[in-house]
Amino acid sequence: MRQDGKIDYVELPGGTLPDSKAFYTAAFGWTFIDYGPDYAGFDEGIDGGFDSSPGEATDRPLVILYAHDLEAMAGKVAAAGGEIVKPIFSFPGGRRFHFRDPAGNEMAVWSET
């Protein structure tokens, strides 16, 4: 069961997506679910995905936490000193926001609603 504030998903840069998928399939036996031409999800101990979207993909892994109430969690993050760098937005499967912690790490929080 998903819990508030717990690591729930890891998003990795996809590079050339077919090459990334081929590598992880050959090396580790991973399987993927494609969500369009630029995104492939995996469930290999922790849920995650490879993002190769032009202009949207990051150059480093993105750790994504979960929240039942996304607006309340955004308020807690801001009150604790986090900087909201991408306000709440919708994506296929839910909504999320990105924040930067005091050490400069960018992370995200998502919700199904």
PDB file of N, CA and C in Angstrom:
ATOM      1  N   MET A   1       0.839  -1.182   0.000  1.00  0.00           N
ATOM      2  CA  MET A   1       0.000   0.000   0.000  1.00  0.00           C
ATOM      3  C   MET A   1       0.884   1.244   0.000  1.00  0.00           C
ATOM      4  N   ARG A   2       0.518   2.189  -0.815  1.00  0.00           N
ATOM      5  CA  ARG A   2       1.298   3.430  -0.908  1.00  0.00           C
ATOM      6  C   ARG A   2       1.113   4.258   0.358  1.00  0.00           C
ATOM      7  N   GLN A   3       2.223   4.885   0.803  1.00  0.00           N
ATOM      8  CA  GLN A   3       2.198   5.669   2.028  1.00  0.00           C
ATOM      9  C   GLN A   3       2.757   7.061   1.771  1.00  0.00           C
ATOM     10  N   ASP A   4       2.189   8.037   2.465  1.00  0.00           N
ATOM     11  CA  ASP A   4       2.663   9.416   2.357  1.00  0.00           C
ATOM     12  C   ASP A   4       4.147   9.512   2.674  1.00  0.00           C
ATOM     13  N   GLY A   5       4.874  10.231   1.820  1.00  0.00           N
ATOM     14  CA  GLY A   5       6.267  10.536   2.074  1.00  0.00           C
ATOM     15  C   GLY A   5       7.248   9.411   1.839  1.00  0.00           C
ATOM     16  N   LYS A   6       6.783   8.251   1.372  1.00  0.00           N
ATOM     17  CA  LYS A   6       7.677   7.115   1.128  1.00  0.00           C
ATOM     18  C   LYS A   6       8.105   7.099  -0.338  1.00  0.00           C
ATOM     19  N   ILE A   7       9.326   6.641  -0.596  1.00  0.00           N
ATOM     20  CA  ILE A   7       9.795   6.512  -1.974  1.00  0.00           C
ATOM     21  C   ILE A   7       8.896   5.514  -2.687  1.00  0.00           C
ATOM     22  N   ASP A   8       8.366   5.922  -3.848  1.00  0.00           N
ATOM     23  CA  ASP A   8       7.378   5.132  -4.550  1.00  0.00           C
ATOM     24  C   ASP A   8       7.777   4.820  -5.989  1.00  0.00           C
ATOM     25  N   TYR A   9       8.705   5.607  -6.557  1.00  0.00           N
ATOM     26  CA  TYR A   9       8.992   5.498  -7.985  1.00  0.00           C
ATOM     27  C   TYR A   9      10.338   6.162  -8.243  1.00  0.00           C
ATOM     28  N   VAL A  10      11.084   5.657  -9.193  1.00  0.00           N
ATOM     29  CA  VAL A  10      12.349   6.268  -9.582  1.00  0.00           C
ATOM     30  C   VAL A  10      12.321   6.462 -11.091  1.00  0.00           C
ATOM     31  N   GLU A  11      12.533   7.700 -11.527  1.00  0.00           N
ATOM     32  CA  GLU A  11      12.545   8.014 -12.953  1.00  0.00           C
ATOM     33  C   GLU A  11      13.987   8.268 -13.384  1.00  0.00           C
ATOM     34  N   LEU A  12      14.406   7.563 -14.421  1.00  0.00           N
ATOM     35  CA  LEU A  12      15.781   7.655 -14.908  1.00  0.00           C
ATOM     36  C   LEU A  12      15.812   8.290 -16.288  1.00  0.00           C
ATOM     37  N   PRO A  13      16.895   8.983 -16.618  1.00  0.00           N
ATOM     38  CA  PRO A  13      17.033   9.494 -17.980  1.00  0.00           C
ATOM     39  C   PRO A  13      17.009   8.312 -18.954  1.00  0.00           C
ATOM     40  N   GLY A  14      16.278   8.461 -20.046  1.00  0.00           N
ATOM     41  CA  GLY A  14      16.103   7.357 -20.981  1.00  0.00           C
ATOM     42  C   GLY A  14      17.143   7.265 -22.066  1.00  0.00           C
ATOM     43  N   GLY A  15      17.877   8.368 -22.311  1.00  0.00           N
ATOM     44  CA  GLY A  15      18.836   8.349 -23.410  1.00  0.00           C
ATOM     45  C   GLY A  15      18.139   7.937 -24.694  1.00  0.00           C
ATOM     46  N   THR A  16      18.747   7.049 -25.447  1.00  0.00           N
ATOM     47  CA  THR A  16      18.079   6.451 -26.596  1.00  0.00           C
ATOM     48  C   THR A  16      17.276   5.284 -26.045  1.00  0.00           C
ATOM     49  N   LEU A  17      15.980   5.467 -25.930  1.00  0.00           N
ATOM     50  CA  LEU A  17      15.125   4.535 -25.198  1.00  0.00           C
ATOM     51  C   LEU A  17      15.249   3.084 -25.660  1.00  0.00           C
ATOM     52  N   PRO A  18      15.237   2.790 -26.944  1.00  0.00           N
ATOM     53  CA  PRO A  18      15.396   1.384 -27.347  1.00  0.00           C
ATOM     54  C   PRO A  18      16.715   0.775 -26.861  1.00  0.00           C
ATOM     55  N   ASP A  19      17.785   1.560 -26.867  1.00  0.00           N
ATOM     56  CA  ASP A  19      19.078   1.059 -26.385  1.00  0.00           C
ATOM     57  C   ASP A  19      19.043   0.790 -24.881  1.00  0.00           C
ATOM     58  N   SER A  20      18.427   1.698 -24.119  1.00  0.00           N
ATOM     59  CA  SER A  20      18.326   1.502 -22.668  1.00  0.00           C
ATOM     60  C   SER A  20      17.515   0.263 -22.344  1.00  0.00           C
ATOM     61  N   LYS A  21      16.369   0.108 -23.023  1.00  0.00           N
ATOM     62  CA  LYS A  21      15.530  -1.062 -22.787  1.00  0.00           C
ATOM     63  C   LYS A  21      16.271  -2.347 -23.151  1.00  0.00           C
ATOM     64  N   ALA A  22      16.960  -2.349 -24.278  1.00  0.00           N
ATOM     65  CA  ALA A  22      17.699  -3.538 -24.718  1.00  0.00           C
ATOM     66  C   ALA A  22      18.781  -3.909 -23.706  1.00  0.00           C
ATOM     67  N   PHE A  23      19.495  -2.916 -23.192  1.00  0.00           N
ATOM     68  CA  PHE A  23      20.547  -3.183 -22.206  1.00  0.00           C
ATOM     69  C   PHE A  23      19.973  -3.836 -20.951  1.00  0.00           C
ATOM     70  N   TYR A  24      18.953  -3.230 -20.343  1.00  0.00           N
ATOM     71  CA  TYR A  24      18.419  -3.751 -19.089  1.00  0.00           C
ATOM     72  C   TYR A  24      17.714  -5.088 -19.283  1.00  0.00           C
ATOM     73  N   THR A  25      17.151  -5.322 -20.472  1.00  0.00           N
ATOM     74  CA  THR A  25      16.562  -6.629 -20.758  1.00  0.00           C
ATOM     75  C   THR A  25      17.646  -7.691 -20.861  1.00  0.00           C
ATOM     76  N   ALA A  26      18.715  -7.389 -21.620  1.00  0.00           N
ATOM     77  CA  ALA A  26      19.790  -8.364 -21.811  1.00  0.00           C
ATOM     78  C   ALA A  26      20.582  -8.609 -20.528  1.00  0.00           C
ATOM     79  N   ALA A  27      20.888  -7.554 -19.794  1.00  0.00           N
ATOM     80  CA  ALA A  27      21.738  -7.689 -18.607  1.00  0.00           C
ATOM     81  C   ALA A  27      20.991  -8.246 -17.403  1.00  0.00           C
ATOM     82  N   PHE A  28      19.728  -7.825 -17.215  1.00  0.00           N
ATOM     83  CA  PHE A  28      19.024  -8.159 -15.975  1.00  0.00           C
ATOM     84  C   PHE A  28      17.671  -8.822 -16.168  1.00  0.00           C
ATOM     85  N   GLY A  29      17.241  -8.982 -17.423  1.00  0.00           N
ATOM     86  CA  GLY A  29      15.951  -9.619 -17.673  1.00  0.00           C
ATOM     87  C   GLY A  29      14.749  -8.749 -17.403  1.00  0.00           C
ATOM     88  N   TRP A  30      14.943  -7.427 -17.356  1.00  0.00           N
ATOM     89  CA  TRP A  30      13.829  -6.523 -17.087  1.00  0.00           C
ATOM     90  C   TRP A  30      12.827  -6.556 -18.227  1.00  0.00           C
ATOM     91  N   THR A  31      11.562  -6.281 -17.893  1.00  0.00           N
ATOM     92  CA  THR A  31      10.504  -6.104 -18.882  1.00  0.00           C
ATOM     93  C   THR A  31       9.947  -4.696 -18.724  1.00  0.00           C
ATOM     94  N   PHE A  32       9.329  -4.193 -19.777  1.00  0.00           N
ATOM     95  CA  PHE A  32       8.882  -2.806 -19.801  1.00  0.00           C
ATOM     96  C   PHE A  32       7.451  -2.686 -20.300  1.00  0.00           C
ATOM     97  N   ILE A  33       6.807  -1.617 -19.872  1.00  0.00           N
ATOM     98  CA  ILE A  33       5.516  -1.199 -20.411  1.00  0.00           C
ATOM     99  C   ILE A  33       5.756   0.163 -21.047  1.00  0.00           C
ATOM    100  N   ASP A  34       5.486   0.271 -22.346  1.00  0.00           N
ATOM    101  CA  ASP A  34       5.687   1.541 -23.048  1.00  0.00           C
ATOM    102  C   ASP A  34       4.496   2.461 -22.831  1.00  0.00           C
ATOM    103  N   TYR A  35       4.794   3.699 -22.516  1.00  0.00           N
ATOM    104  CA  TYR A  35       3.794   4.751 -22.370  1.00  0.00           C
ATOM    105  C   TYR A  35       4.108   5.818 -23.411  1.00  0.00           C
ATOM    106  N   GLY A  36       3.953   5.477 -24.657  1.00  0.00           N
ATOM    107  CA  GLY A  36       4.298   6.382 -25.746  1.00  0.00           C
ATOM    108  C   GLY A  36       5.726   6.143 -26.197  1.00  0.00           C
ATOM    109  N   PRO A  37       6.186   6.941 -27.164  1.00  0.00           N
ATOM    110  CA  PRO A  37       7.508   6.705 -27.753  1.00  0.00           C
ATOM    111  C   PRO A  37       8.680   7.136 -26.873  1.00  0.00           C
ATOM    112  N   ASP A  38       8.417   7.948 -25.835  1.00  0.00           N
ATOM    113  CA  ASP A  38       9.502   8.520 -25.040  1.00  0.00           C
ATOM    114  C   ASP A  38       9.552   8.027 -23.597  1.00  0.00           C
ATOM    115  N   TYR A  39       8.695   7.061 -23.235  1.00  0.00           N
ATOM    116  CA  TYR A  39       8.653   6.646 -21.834  1.00  0.00           C
ATOM    117  C   TYR A  39       8.389   5.148 -21.740  1.00  0.00           C
ATOM    118  N   ALA A  40       9.162   4.470 -20.924  1.00  0.00           N
ATOM    119  CA  ALA A  40       8.961   3.048 -20.659  1.00  0.00           C
ATOM    120  C   ALA A  40       9.031   2.809 -19.159  1.00  0.00           C
ATOM    121  N   GLY A  41       7.991   2.202 -18.623  1.00  0.00           N
ATOM    122  CA  GLY A  41       7.949   1.906 -17.201  1.00  0.00           C
ATOM    123  C   GLY A  41       8.479   0.514 -16.903  1.00  0.00           C
ATOM    124  N   PHE A  42       8.939   0.322 -15.660  1.00  0.00           N
ATOM    125  CA  PHE A  42       9.393  -0.987 -15.211  1.00  0.00           C
ATOM    126  C   PHE A  42       8.951  -1.219 -13.778  1.00  0.00           C
ATOM    127  N   ASP A  43       8.914  -2.483 -13.387  1.00  0.00           N
ATOM    128  CA  ASP A  43       8.588  -2.889 -12.020  1.00  0.00           C
ATOM    129  C   ASP A  43       9.591  -3.975 -11.654  1.00  0.00           C
ATOM    130  N   GLU A  44      10.724  -3.549 -11.152  1.00  0.00           N
ATOM    131  CA  GLU A  44      11.830  -4.469 -10.887  1.00  0.00           C
ATOM    132  C   GLU A  44      12.348  -4.285  -9.460  1.00  0.00           C
ATOM    133  N   GLY A  45      11.481  -4.488  -8.485  1.00  0.00           N
ATOM    134  CA  GLY A  45      11.842  -4.291  -7.083  1.00  0.00           C
ATOM    135  C   GLY A  45      11.303  -2.976  -6.559  1.00  0.00           C
ATOM    136  N   ILE A  46      11.305  -1.975  -7.399  1.00  0.00           N
ATOM    137  CA  ILE A  46      10.647  -0.693  -7.165  1.00  0.00           C
ATOM    138  C   ILE A  46      10.134  -0.244  -8.522  1.00  0.00           C
ATOM    139  N   ASP A  47       8.987   0.395  -8.534  1.00  0.00           N
ATOM    140  CA  ASP A  47       8.453   0.905  -9.792  1.00  0.00           C
ATOM    141  C   ASP A  47       9.321   2.044 -10.283  1.00  0.00           C
ATOM    142  N   GLY A  48       9.418   2.170 -11.591  1.00  0.00           N
ATOM    143  CA  GLY A  48      10.188   3.255 -12.169  1.00  0.00           C
ATOM    144  C   GLY A  48       9.977   3.339 -13.650  1.00  0.00           C
ATOM    145  N   GLY A  49      10.729   4.232 -14.275  1.00  0.00           N
ATOM    146  CA  GLY A  49      10.625   4.389 -15.704  1.00  0.00           C
ATOM    147  C   GLY A  49      11.814   5.114 -16.280  1.00  0.00           C
ATOM    148  N   PHE A  50      11.988   4.943 -17.579  1.00  0.00           N
ATOM    149  CA  PHE A  50      12.993   5.673 -18.348  1.00  0.00           C
ATOM    150  C   PHE A  50      12.275   6.741 -19.151  1.00  0.00           C
ATOM    151  N   ASP A  51      12.727   7.992 -19.039  1.00  0.00           N
ATOM    152  CA  ASP A  51      12.122   9.118 -19.744  1.00  0.00           C
ATOM    153  C   ASP A  51      13.111   9.663 -20.756  1.00  0.00           C
ATOM    154  N   SER A  52      12.745   9.618 -22.021  1.00  0.00           N
ATOM    155  CA  SER A  52      13.600  10.190 -23.064  1.00  0.00           C
ATOM    156  C   SER A  52      12.907  11.347 -23.774  1.00  0.00           C
ATOM    157  N   SER A  53      11.925  11.969 -23.104  1.00  0.00           N
ATOM    158  CA  SER A  53      11.198  13.092 -23.695  1.00  0.00           C
ATOM    159  C   SER A  53      12.132  14.253 -23.983  1.00  0.00           C
ATOM    160  N   PRO A  54      12.118  14.772 -25.207  1.00  0.00           N
ATOM    161  CA  PRO A  54      12.971  15.923 -25.521  1.00  0.00           C
ATOM    162  C   PRO A  54      12.601  17.129 -24.646  1.00  0.00           C
ATOM    163  N   GLY A  55      13.591  17.716 -24.012  1.00  0.00           N
ATOM    164  CA  GLY A  55      13.375  18.924 -23.217  1.00  0.00           C
ATOM    165  C   GLY A  55      12.785  18.685 -21.844  1.00  0.00           C
ATOM    166  N   GLU A  56      12.211  17.536 -21.582  1.00  0.00           N
ATOM    167  CA  GLU A  56      11.599  17.257 -20.286  1.00  0.00           C
ATOM    168  C   GLU A  56      12.449  16.318 -19.441  1.00  0.00           C
ATOM    169  N   ALA A  57      13.196  15.482 -20.079  1.00  0.00           N
ATOM    170  CA  ALA A  57      13.982  14.489 -19.339  1.00  0.00           C
ATOM    171  C   ALA A  57      15.097  15.172 -18.558  1.00  0.00           C
ATOM    172  N   THR A  58      15.357  14.639 -17.378  1.00  0.00           N
ATOM    173  CA  THR A  58      16.433  15.174 -16.560  1.00  0.00           C
ATOM    174  C   THR A  58      17.731  14.451 -16.899  1.00  0.00           C
ATOM    175  N   ASP A  59      18.836  14.982 -16.423  1.00  0.00           N
ATOM    176  CA  ASP A  59      20.127  14.345 -16.671  1.00  0.00           C
ATOM    177  C   ASP A  59      20.561  13.486 -15.490  1.00  0.00           C
ATOM    178  N   ARG A  60      19.675  13.277 -14.534  1.00  0.00           N
ATOM    179  CA  ARG A  60      19.984  12.448 -13.376  1.00  0.00           C
ATOM    180  C   ARG A  60      18.710  11.767 -12.892  1.00  0.00           C
ATOM    181  N   PRO A  61      18.829  10.723 -12.085  1.00  0.00           N
ATOM    182  CA  PRO A  61      17.631  10.050 -11.579  1.00  0.00           C
ATOM    183  C   PRO A  61      16.753  11.007 -10.765  1.00  0.00           C
ATOM    184  N   LEU A  62      15.461  10.780 -10.840  1.00  0.00           N
ATOM    185  CA  LEU A  62      14.488  11.568 -10.086  1.00  0.00           C
ATOM    186  C   LEU A  62      13.745  10.629  -9.151  1.00  0.00           C
ATOM    187  N   VAL A  63      13.917  10.819  -7.853  1.00  0.00           N
ATOM    188  CA  VAL A  63      13.210  10.033  -6.848  1.00  0.00           C
ATOM    189  C   VAL A  63      11.839  10.666  -6.654  1.00  0.00           C
ATOM    190  N   ILE A  64      10.804   9.816  -6.667  1.00  0.00           N
ATOM    191  CA  ILE A  64       9.432  10.320  -6.569  1.00  0.00           C
ATOM    192  C   ILE A  64       8.772   9.699  -5.345  1.00  0.00           C
ATOM    193  N   LEU A  65       8.290  10.560  -4.467  1.00  0.00           N
ATOM    194  CA  LEU A  65       7.585  10.158  -3.256  1.00  0.00           C
ATOM    195  C   LEU A  65       6.090  10.133  -3.537  1.00  0.00           C
ATOM    196  N   TYR A  66       5.314   9.597  -2.613  1.00  0.00           N
ATOM    197  CA  TYR A  66       3.868   9.506  -2.781  1.00  0.00           C
ATOM    198  C   TYR A  66       3.157  10.383  -1.751  1.00  0.00           C
ATOM    199  N   ALA A  67       1.964  10.891  -2.118  1.00  0.00           N
ATOM    200  CA  ALA A  67       1.106  11.613  -1.174  1.00  0.00           C
ATOM    201  C   ALA A  67      -0.352  11.332  -1.505  1.00  0.00           C
ATOM    202  N   HIS A  68      -1.143  11.053  -0.498  1.00  0.00           N
ATOM    203  CA  HIS A  68      -2.584  10.910  -0.714  1.00  0.00           C
ATOM    204  C   HIS A  68      -3.220  12.268  -1.024  1.00  0.00           C
ATOM    205  N   ASP A  69      -2.742  13.322  -0.378  1.00  0.00           N
ATOM    206  CA  ASP A  69      -3.255  14.679  -0.583  1.00  0.00           C
ATOM    207  C   ASP A  69      -2.107  15.536  -1.108  1.00  0.00           C
ATOM    208  N   LEU A  70      -2.067  15.711  -2.421  1.00  0.00           N
ATOM    209  CA  LEU A  70      -0.939  16.377  -3.061  1.00  0.00           C
ATOM    210  C   LEU A  70      -0.812  17.841  -2.644  1.00  0.00           C
ATOM    211  N   GLU A  71      -1.925  18.550  -2.566  1.00  0.00           N
ATOM    212  CA  GLU A  71      -1.873  19.959  -2.169  1.00  0.00           C
ATOM    213  C   GLU A  71      -1.346  20.117  -0.748  1.00  0.00           C
ATOM    214  N   ALA A  72      -1.804  19.270   0.167  1.00  0.00           N
ATOM    215  CA  ALA A  72      -1.325  19.342   1.554  1.00  0.00           C
ATOM    216  C   ALA A  72       0.172  19.055   1.619  1.00  0.00           C
ATOM    217  N   MET A  73       0.631  18.063   0.842  1.00  0.00           N
ATOM    218  CA  MET A  73       2.057  17.725   0.867  1.00  0.00           C
ATOM    219  C   MET A  73       2.894  18.862   0.275  1.00  0.00           C
ATOM    220  N   ALA A  74       2.406  19.508  -0.771  1.00  0.00           N
ATOM    221  CA  ALA A  74       3.132  20.660  -1.335  1.00  0.00           C
ATOM    222  C   ALA A  74       3.264  21.749  -0.278  1.00  0.00           C
ATOM    223  N   GLY A  75       2.216  21.961   0.502  1.00  0.00           N
ATOM    224  CA  GLY A  75       2.276  22.939   1.583  1.00  0.00           C
ATOM    225  C   GLY A  75       3.303  22.568   2.639  1.00  0.00           C
ATOM    226  N   LYS A  76       3.373  21.289   3.011  1.00  0.00           N
ATOM    227  CA  LYS A  76       4.347  20.831   3.994  1.00  0.00           C
ATOM    228  C   LYS A  76       5.775  21.006   3.478  1.00  0.00           C
ATOM    229  N   VAL A  77       5.982  20.675   2.191  1.00  0.00           N
ATOM    230  CA  VAL A  77       7.313  20.804   1.600  1.00  0.00           C
ATOM    231  C   VAL A  77       7.758  22.265   1.638  1.00  0.00           C
ATOM    232  N   ALA A  78       6.878  23.169   1.236  1.00  0.00           N
ATOM    233  CA  ALA A  78       7.219  24.595   1.239  1.00  0.00           C
ATOM    234  C   ALA A  78       7.456  25.106   2.658  1.00  0.00           C
ATOM    235  N   ALA A  79       6.604  24.689   3.597  1.00  0.00           N
ATOM    236  CA  ALA A  79       6.746  25.138   4.985  1.00  0.00           C
ATOM    237  C   ALA A  79       8.043  24.644   5.615  1.00  0.00           C
ATOM    238  N   ALA A  80       8.521  23.489   5.164  1.00  0.00           N
ATOM    239  CA  ALA A  80       9.762  22.924   5.706  1.00  0.00           C
ATOM    240  C   ALA A  80      11.007  23.524   5.059  1.00  0.00           C
ATOM    241  N   GLY A  81      10.819  24.398   4.066  1.00  0.00           N
ATOM    242  CA  GLY A  81      11.965  25.044   3.432  1.00  0.00           C
ATOM    243  C   GLY A  81      12.301  24.529   2.053  1.00  0.00           C
ATOM    244  N   GLY A  82      11.472  23.628   1.507  1.00  0.00           N
ATOM    245  CA  GLY A  82      11.691  23.151   0.144  1.00  0.00           C
ATOM    246  C   GLY A  82      11.240  24.196  -0.861  1.00  0.00           C
ATOM    247  N   GLU A  83      11.865  24.194  -2.025  1.00  0.00           N
ATOM    248  CA  GLU A  83      11.500  25.124  -3.098  1.00  0.00           C
ATOM    249  C   GLU A  83      10.722  24.349  -4.160  1.00  0.00           C
ATOM    250  N   ILE A  84       9.470  24.740  -4.388  1.00  0.00           N
ATOM    251  CA  ILE A  84       8.665  24.100  -5.426  1.00  0.00           C
ATOM    252  C   ILE A  84       9.198  24.600  -6.772  1.00  0.00           C
ATOM    253  N   VAL A  85       9.744  23.698  -7.588  1.00  0.00           N
ATOM    254  CA  VAL A  85      10.333  24.096  -8.865  1.00  0.00           C
ATOM    255  C   VAL A  85       9.424  23.783 -10.051  1.00  0.00           C
ATOM    256  N   LYS A  86       8.450  22.893  -9.875  1.00  0.00           N
ATOM    257  CA  LYS A  86       7.399  22.627 -10.865  1.00  0.00           C
ATOM    258  C   LYS A  86       6.105  22.462 -10.085  1.00  0.00           C
ATOM    259  N   PRO A  87       5.208  23.448 -10.179  1.00  0.00           N
ATOM    260  CA  PRO A  87       3.939  23.329  -9.456  1.00  0.00           C
ATOM    261  C   PRO A  87       3.161  22.089  -9.918  1.00  0.00           C
ATOM    262  N   ILE A  88       2.136  21.755  -9.184  1.00  0.00           N
ATOM    263  CA  ILE A  88       1.330  20.567  -9.473  1.00  0.00           C
ATOM    264  C   ILE A  88       0.870  20.573 -10.931  1.00  0.00           C
ATOM    265  N   PHE A  89       1.096  19.430 -11.588  1.00  0.00           N
ATOM    266  CA  PHE A  89       0.652  19.266 -12.980  1.00  0.00           C
ATOM    267  C   PHE A  89       0.137  17.843 -13.160  1.00  0.00           C
ATOM    268  N   SER A  90      -0.677  17.656 -14.179  1.00  0.00           N
ATOM    269  CA  SER A  90      -1.242  16.344 -14.489  1.00  0.00           C
ATOM    270  C   SER A  90      -0.357  15.616 -15.486  1.00  0.00           C
ATOM    271  N   PHE A  91      -0.372  14.292 -15.393  1.00  0.00           N
ATOM    272  CA  PHE A  91       0.311  13.427 -16.355  1.00  0.00           C
ATOM    273  C   PHE A  91      -0.537  12.155 -16.439  1.00  0.00           C
ATOM    274  N   PRO A  92      -0.323  11.323 -17.454  1.00  0.00           N
ATOM    275  CA  PRO A  92      -1.107  10.093 -17.528  1.00  0.00           C
ATOM    276  C   PRO A  92      -0.892   9.241 -16.276  1.00  0.00           C
ATOM    277  N   GLY A  93      -1.937   9.052 -15.509  1.00  0.00           N
ATOM    278  CA  GLY A  93      -1.842   8.252 -14.292  1.00  0.00           C
ATOM    279  C   GLY A  93      -1.970   9.034 -13.008  1.00  0.00           C
ATOM    280  N   GLY A  94      -1.918  10.358 -13.071  1.00  0.00           N
ATOM    281  CA  GLY A  94      -2.053  11.137 -11.847  1.00  0.00           C
ATOM    282  C   GLY A  94      -1.595  12.564 -11.981  1.00  0.00           C
ATOM    283  N   ARG A  95      -1.103  13.085 -10.849  1.00  0.00           N
ATOM    284  CA  ARG A  95      -0.589  14.460 -10.793  1.00  0.00           C
ATOM    285  C   ARG A  95       0.661  14.445  -9.942  1.00  0.00           C
ATOM    286  N   ARG A  96       1.524  15.445 -10.142  1.00  0.00           N
ATOM    287  CA  ARG A  96       2.722  15.549  -9.310  1.00  0.00           C
ATOM    288  C   ARG A  96       3.263  16.960  -9.320  1.00  0.00           C
ATOM    289  N   PHE A  97       4.197  17.203  -8.381  1.00  0.00           N
ATOM    290  CA  PHE A  97       4.972  18.446  -8.366  1.00  0.00           C
ATOM    291  C   PHE A  97       6.417  18.081  -8.089  1.00  0.00           C
ATOM    292  N   HIS A  98       7.326  18.999  -8.463  1.00  0.00           N
ATOM    293  CA  HIS A  98       8.754  18.796  -8.205  1.00  0.00           C
ATOM    294  C   HIS A  98       9.211  19.848  -7.206  1.00  0.00           C
ATOM    295  N   PHE A  99      10.164  19.475  -6.376  1.00  0.00           N
ATOM    296  CA  PHE A  99      10.722  20.421  -5.409  1.00  0.00           C
ATOM    297  C   PHE A  99      12.220  20.199  -5.298  1.00  0.00           C
ATOM    298  N   ARG A 100      12.883  21.198  -4.761  1.00  0.00           N
ATOM    299  CA  ARG A 100      14.318  21.106  -4.478  1.00  0.00           C
ATOM    300  C   ARG A 100      14.474  21.208  -2.968  1.00  0.00           C
ATOM    301  N   ASP A 101      15.230  20.256  -2.404  1.00  0.00           N
ATOM    302  CA  ASP A 101      15.460  20.270  -0.960  1.00  0.00           C
ATOM    303  C   ASP A 101      16.596  21.239  -0.629  1.00  0.00           C
ATOM    304  N   PRO A 102      16.872  21.502   0.659  1.00  0.00           N
ATOM    305  CA  PRO A 102      17.921  22.456   1.012  1.00  0.00           C
ATOM    306  C   PRO A 102      19.305  22.107   0.478  1.00  0.00           C
ATOM    307  N   ALA A 103      19.573  20.826   0.162  1.00  0.00           N
ATOM    308  CA  ALA A 103      20.869  20.438  -0.397  1.00  0.00           C
ATOM    309  C   ALA A 103      20.915  20.582  -1.915  1.00  0.00           C
ATOM    310  N   GLY A 104      19.780  20.975  -2.525  1.00  0.00           N
ATOM    311  CA  GLY A 104      19.737  21.171  -3.966  1.00  0.00           C
ATOM    312  C   GLY A 104      19.250  19.965  -4.754  1.00  0.00           C
ATOM    313  N   ASN A 105      18.863  18.880  -4.080  1.00  0.00           N
ATOM    314  CA  ASN A 105      18.354  17.700  -4.768  1.00  0.00           C
ATOM    315  C   ASN A 105      16.942  17.948  -5.277  1.00  0.00           C
ATOM    316  N   GLU A 106      16.706  17.678  -6.560  1.00  0.00           N
ATOM    317  CA  GLU A 106      15.346  17.772  -7.079  1.00  0.00           C
ATOM    318  C   GLU A 106      14.668  16.426  -6.899  1.00  0.00           C
ATOM    319  N   MET A 107      13.466  16.471  -6.336  1.00  0.00           N
ATOM    320  CA  MET A 107      12.645  15.281  -6.142  1.00  0.00           C
ATOM    321  C   MET A 107      11.232  15.639  -6.566  1.00  0.00           C
ATOM    322  N   ALA A 108      10.344  14.659  -6.571  1.00  0.00           N
ATOM    323  CA  ALA A 108       8.958  14.893  -6.937  1.00  0.00           C
ATOM    324  C   ALA A 108       8.055  14.171  -5.949  1.00  0.00           C
ATOM    325  N   VAL A 109       6.800  14.586  -5.922  1.00  0.00           N
ATOM    326  CA  VAL A 109       5.770  13.925  -5.141  1.00  0.00           C
ATOM    327  C   VAL A 109       4.580  13.729  -6.080  1.00  0.00           C
ATOM    328  N   TRP A 110       3.987  12.541  -6.061  1.00  0.00           N
ATOM    329  CA  TRP A 110       2.864  12.267  -6.956  1.00  0.00           C
ATOM    330  C   TRP A 110       1.682  11.718  -6.193  1.00  0.00           C
ATOM    331  N   SER A 111       0.522  11.794  -6.839  1.00  0.00           N
ATOM    332  CA  SER A 111      -0.720  11.229  -6.325  1.00  0.00           C
ATOM    333  C   SER A 111      -1.546  10.742  -7.497  1.00  0.00           C
ATOM    334  N   GLU A 112      -2.368   9.750  -7.244  1.00  0.00           N
ATOM    335  CA  GLU A 112      -3.235   9.233  -8.300  1.00  0.00           C
ATOM    336  C   GLU A 112      -4.388  10.174  -8.602  1.00  0.00           C
ATOM    337  N   THR A 113      -4.707  11.065  -7.670  1.00  0.00           N
ATOM    338  CA  THR A 113      -5.847  11.986  -7.872  1.00  0.00           C
ATOM    339  C   THR A 113      -5.394  13.420  -7.931  1.00  0.00           C
TER     340      THR A 113
END
